[in-house]
Protein backbone atom coordinates (compact mmCIF):
# COMPACT_ATOMS: atom_id res chain seq x y z
CA MET A 1 9.98 -21.37 -5.31
CA THR A 2 8.49 -18.22 -6.80
CA ASN A 3 9.20 -17.37 -10.38
CA ILE A 4 10.60 -13.92 -11.20
CA MET A 5 7.56 -13.39 -13.46
CA ASP A 6 5.40 -13.57 -10.35
CA LYS A 7 7.22 -10.59 -8.83
CA LYS A 8 5.34 -7.32 -8.99
CA ILE A 9 7.10 -3.96 -8.62
CA LEU A 10 5.38 -0.63 -8.02
CA VAL A 11 7.26 2.36 -9.43
CA ILE A 12 6.13 5.69 -7.92
CA GLU A 13 7.69 8.38 -10.08
CA ASP A 14 6.28 11.67 -11.37
CA ASP A 15 8.76 12.14 -14.24
CA GLU A 16 7.39 10.41 -17.32
CA GLN A 17 10.81 9.66 -18.86
CA ASN A 18 12.13 8.14 -15.63
CA ARG A 19 8.94 6.12 -15.17
CA TYR A 20 9.30 4.78 -18.72
CA LEU A 21 13.02 3.98 -18.26
CA PHE A 22 12.56 2.17 -14.94
CA SER A 23 9.55 0.24 -16.26
CA PHE A 24 11.42 -0.73 -19.44
CA ILE A 25 14.44 -2.08 -17.54
CA LEU A 26 12.27 -3.97 -15.04
CA GLU A 27 10.00 -5.50 -17.70
CA LYS A 28 13.03 -6.47 -19.82
CA ASN A 29 14.25 -8.37 -16.76
CA GLY A 30 10.96 -10.24 -16.37
CA TYR A 31 9.14 -8.25 -13.70
CA GLN A 32 5.51 -7.09 -13.69
CA VAL A 33 5.44 -3.30 -13.32
CA ILE A 34 2.71 -1.08 -11.90
CA THR A 35 3.19 2.69 -11.88
CA ALA A 36 1.91 5.71 -10.01
CA ARG A 37 2.56 9.41 -10.68
CA ASP A 38 2.29 10.82 -7.17
CA GLY A 39 2.47 9.74 -3.55
CA LEU A 40 -1.24 9.43 -2.91
CA GLU A 41 -1.81 7.39 -6.07
CA GLY A 42 1.20 5.29 -5.02
CA ILE A 43 -0.37 4.38 -1.69
CA THR A 44 -3.66 3.52 -3.39
CA ARG A 45 -1.96 1.34 -6.03
CA ALA A 46 0.15 -0.40 -3.37
CA ARG A 47 -2.95 -1.29 -1.35
CA GLU A 48 -4.75 -2.58 -4.48
CA GLU A 49 -1.87 -4.44 -6.12
CA LYS A 50 0.16 -5.68 -3.10
CA PRO A 51 3.56 -5.41 -4.83
CA ASP A 52 6.67 -7.37 -3.83
CA LEU A 53 8.81 -4.21 -4.00
CA ILE A 54 8.19 -0.47 -4.18
CA LEU A 55 10.58 1.88 -5.96
CA LEU A 56 9.82 5.38 -4.74
CA ASP A 57 10.91 8.81 -5.91
CA ILE A 58 11.29 11.17 -2.96
CA ARG A 59 10.36 14.45 -4.63
CA LEU A 60 6.75 13.86 -5.67
CA PRO A 61 3.64 16.00 -6.12
CA VAL A 62 0.75 15.73 -3.62
CA MET A 63 2.80 13.88 -0.95
CA ASP A 64 6.58 13.47 -0.80
CA GLY A 65 8.30 10.11 -0.62
CA TYR A 66 9.16 10.46 3.06
CA GLU A 67 5.48 10.80 3.98
CA VAL A 68 4.49 8.02 1.55
CA THR A 69 6.98 5.70 3.24
CA ARG A 70 5.78 6.57 6.75
CA GLN A 71 2.14 5.96 5.80
CA MET A 72 2.84 2.68 3.98
CA LYS A 73 4.89 1.30 6.89
CA GLU A 74 1.90 1.94 9.18
CA LEU A 75 -0.43 -0.19 7.03
CA PRO A 76 -0.51 -3.86 8.07
CA GLU A 77 -0.74 -5.07 4.46
CA LEU A 78 2.28 -2.99 3.34
CA LYS A 79 4.55 -2.79 6.39
CA ASP A 80 6.73 -5.72 5.22
CA VAL A 81 7.02 -4.65 1.56
CA PRO A 82 10.53 -3.31 0.90
CA ILE A 83 10.59 0.33 -0.20
CA VAL A 84 13.66 1.55 -2.06
CA ALA A 85 14.10 5.29 -2.56
CA LEU A 86 14.98 6.15 -6.13
CA THR A 87 16.06 9.75 -5.93
CA ALA A 88 18.18 12.58 -7.24
CA TYR A 89 18.72 13.63 -3.61
CA ALA A 90 22.31 12.46 -3.43
CA MET A 91 23.86 14.97 -1.06
CA LYS A 92 25.50 14.08 2.23
CA GLY A 93 22.78 13.00 4.67
CA ASP A 94 20.09 12.33 2.04
CA LYS A 95 20.54 8.55 2.15
CA GLU A 96 20.30 8.59 5.95
CA LYS A 97 17.17 10.74 5.78
CA THR A 98 15.43 8.25 3.47
CA LEU A 99 16.40 5.32 5.71
CA GLU A 100 15.19 7.19 8.81
CA ALA A 101 11.83 7.75 7.08
CA GLY A 102 11.51 3.97 6.78
CA CYS A 103 12.92 3.19 3.33
CA ASP A 104 14.73 -0.14 3.16
CA GLY A 105 17.20 1.03 0.54
CA TYR A 106 18.42 3.89 -1.61
CA ILE A 107 19.35 4.17 -5.30
CA PRO A 108 20.70 7.54 -6.49
CA LYS A 109 19.64 8.99 -9.85
CA PRO A 110 20.74 8.98 -12.56
CA ILE A 111 20.71 5.21 -12.39
CA ILE A 112 23.23 2.81 -13.89
CA PRO A 113 20.95 0.12 -15.39
CA LYS A 114 23.14 -2.88 -14.46
CA GLU A 115 23.50 -1.70 -10.84
CA PHE A 116 19.81 -0.75 -10.70
CA ILE A 117 18.65 -4.25 -11.64
CA GLU A 118 21.19 -5.86 -9.29
CA VAL A 119 19.78 -3.85 -6.36
CA VAL A 120 16.19 -4.70 -7.36
CA ASN A 121 17.10 -8.40 -7.62
CA SER A 122 18.75 -8.33 -4.20
CA TYR A 123 15.55 -7.04 -2.53
CA LEU A 124 13.38 -9.63 -4.23
CA LYS A 125 15.60 -12.53 -3.19
CA LYS A 126 15.29 -11.68 0.51
């Protein structure tokens, strides 16, 4: 059985405060955290680090989260890694749009820390 400390999560988020908050909550709950500031860097870090889960902002510089998801799902080494959109896009249809792009889940911002970690845990237990 894998230990939670063995679980690696990639957070792709351009906002420094959000990146810090998500990393803090994840590390406090025993996860290893890798971060990226834009979509292209996110793809590169994912290929290098082979995370167990990717938390992805949708509105990113260089390449948006929809395109990042499409590209990652085409890569053999990343196609099975769950990608959860972490986004302020919370209007009607936004969740469906992220799922259509290939995301496995959706967490609206601002996050509620307890719910956030419960969702993260649920993807890592699968």
